[in-house]
Amino acid sequence: IMGIVELLLLALGLSMDAFAVSVCKGLATKRLKLKHAVTCGVWFGGFQGLMPLIGFFLGTLFAAAIEAVDHWVAFGLLGIIGFNMLKEAFDRSCGLDDCGCEDEHNADLGVKTMFVMAVATSIDALAVGISLAMAGGVNIWLSVALIGLTTFSFSAAGVKIGSLFGAAFEKKAQLAGGLILILLGVKILLEHLGVIA
């Protein structure tokens, strides 16, 4: 069962991809305005909240069929997502292939660009929603609210941080996010195996 602390850590881990991309946005934006931070926050926070909700309901459809191995599914999904975030942190500066921080295009806040980036950074959250359904004992509405609000806050802050300090925070953010998700996956597995209470 996930308590408020675990849910906050999960929200933090999931928000790191969006934070890294928001840092890029801030770095590429010549004249930063409040609307830049709010726009990134709404897009990334909204999708990061929506995706686990969809994943959770998809997961509950199949939960009964794979009840015997549900904890392994949750562990596997969180582990894969976490390791991918770690790999991305070492492979490139941003969380997305098309996210070149110095690129003028990266300052674009148009609907098409933001939609693509919001979906790309929230696909992981869809899988996490499925793993939440498998883990059981989770208040999905509280989870969604925390994930959405945390991502909104970090994305908005990321734009400002990017404009002030450049890309120094991206790699650290993705490393932290990946480690958090892996550790949460291990915790779920160990709880189900009875290793920890």
Foldseek 3Di string as FASTA:
>chain_A
DDDPVLLLLLLLLLLLQLLLLLLLLLQLDDDDDLVSLQLSLCLQLVLLLVQLVLLQVVLLVCCVVPLVCLLVLLLVLLLVLLVLLLVPLVPDLHSDPPRDSNDNCSNDSDPVVSNVSNCSSRNSSNSNSNSDNSLDPDDSVVSSVSNSNSSSVSSSVSSVCSNPPNSPCNSVSSNSSSVSSNVSSVVSNCVVVVVDD
